[in-house]
Amino acid sequence: MQTVEKKIREYIAENLLFSRKGYPYADATSFLEEGIVDSMGIMDLVTFVEENFNLEVEDQDLTPDNFDSVMQLAGYIRKKTA
């Protein structure tokens, strides 16, 4: 079974970085500070999270605390699916 972090890294590498070499950053690296994800990329991540983890992302949940790194996003997903 894939970990939440692995699914997120694979999705970002393939769909936002367009990389076949994988996700080259640490899980704590800020998406915004490193330019990994822009505002459109955040919306792509929301769709990915909703479709792959069967949850609804509320507007108030769209914060850097939840969506600014692999580690933060995985924590958000675990909290919402617990």
Protein backbone atom coordinates (compact mmCIF):
# COMPACT_ATOMS: atom_id res chain seq x y z
CA MET A 1 0.00 0.00 0.00
CA GLN A 2 1.31 3.43 -0.92
CA THR A 3 1.75 5.99 1.79
CA VAL A 4 -0.12 9.27 1.61
CA GLU A 5 3.20 11.09 1.15
CA LYS A 6 4.21 8.82 -1.73
CA LYS A 7 0.91 9.42 -3.54
CA ILE A 8 1.31 13.18 -3.12
CA ARG A 9 4.95 13.16 -4.31
CA GLU A 10 4.07 11.05 -7.36
CA TYR A 11 1.11 13.27 -8.26
CA ILE A 12 3.13 16.48 -8.01
CA ALA A 13 6.10 15.05 -9.92
CA GLU A 14 3.96 13.76 -12.78
CA ASN A 15 1.24 16.42 -13.02
CA LEU A 16 2.76 19.67 -11.77
CA LEU A 17 6.51 19.29 -12.28
CA PHE A 18 6.12 17.06 -15.37
CA SER A 19 9.05 14.99 -14.15
CA ARG A 20 9.64 11.31 -14.72
CA LYS A 21 12.51 11.40 -12.23
CA GLY A 22 10.27 11.75 -9.21
CA TYR A 23 9.79 14.44 -6.62
CA PRO A 24 13.23 15.99 -5.93
CA TYR A 25 12.41 17.87 -2.71
CA ALA A 26 12.19 17.01 0.98
CA ASP A 27 8.67 16.43 2.31
CA ALA A 28 8.89 19.62 4.43
CA THR A 29 9.86 21.86 1.47
CA SER A 30 7.41 24.72 0.94
CA PHE A 31 5.52 24.44 -2.35
CA LEU A 32 5.07 28.20 -2.55
CA GLU A 33 8.56 29.31 -1.48
CA GLU A 34 10.23 26.93 -3.93
CA GLY A 35 7.79 27.65 -6.76
CA ILE A 36 6.75 24.00 -6.88
CA VAL A 37 3.04 24.84 -6.94
CA ASP A 38 1.31 28.07 -8.00
CA SER A 39 -2.32 29.10 -7.43
CA MET A 40 -3.54 26.89 -10.28
CA GLY A 41 -1.46 24.04 -8.92
CA ILE A 42 -3.18 24.40 -5.55
CA MET A 43 -6.53 23.90 -7.28
CA ASP A 44 -5.12 20.80 -8.99
CA LEU A 45 -4.00 19.53 -5.58
CA VAL A 46 -7.48 20.13 -4.16
CA THR A 47 -9.01 18.06 -6.95
CA PHE A 48 -6.39 15.34 -6.46
CA VAL A 49 -7.07 15.20 -2.70
CA GLU A 50 -10.84 15.10 -3.13
CA GLU A 51 -10.75 12.38 -5.79
CA ASN A 52 -8.03 10.18 -4.32
CA PHE A 53 -8.82 10.40 -0.63
CA ASN A 54 -12.61 10.68 -0.86
CA LEU A 55 -12.97 13.90 1.09
CA GLU A 56 -14.25 17.40 0.48
CA VAL A 57 -11.80 20.27 0.93
CA GLU A 58 -13.58 23.22 2.52
CA ASP A 59 -12.63 26.78 1.53
CA GLN A 60 -11.42 27.52 5.05
CA ASP A 61 -9.01 24.57 4.77
CA LEU A 62 -7.12 26.15 1.85
CA THR A 63 -4.29 27.51 3.96
CA PRO A 64 -0.50 27.15 3.87
CA ASP A 65 -0.79 25.14 7.09
CA ASN A 66 -2.59 22.44 5.09
CA PHE A 67 -1.37 22.82 1.49
CA ASP A 68 2.23 24.10 1.50
CA SER A 69 4.31 20.91 1.62
CA VAL A 70 4.00 17.17 1.21
CA MET A 71 4.25 16.80 4.99
CA GLN A 72 1.52 19.37 5.71
CA LEU A 73 -0.81 18.04 3.04
CA ALA A 74 -0.38 14.46 4.25
CA GLY A 75 -1.15 15.59 7.81
CA TYR A 76 -4.26 17.40 6.60
CA ILE A 77 -5.44 14.32 4.70
CA ARG A 78 -4.88 12.06 7.72
CA LYS A 79 -6.73 14.47 10.01
CA LYS A 80 -9.71 14.71 7.63
CA THR A 81 -9.95 10.96 7.01
CA ALA A 82 -9.48 9.90 10.65
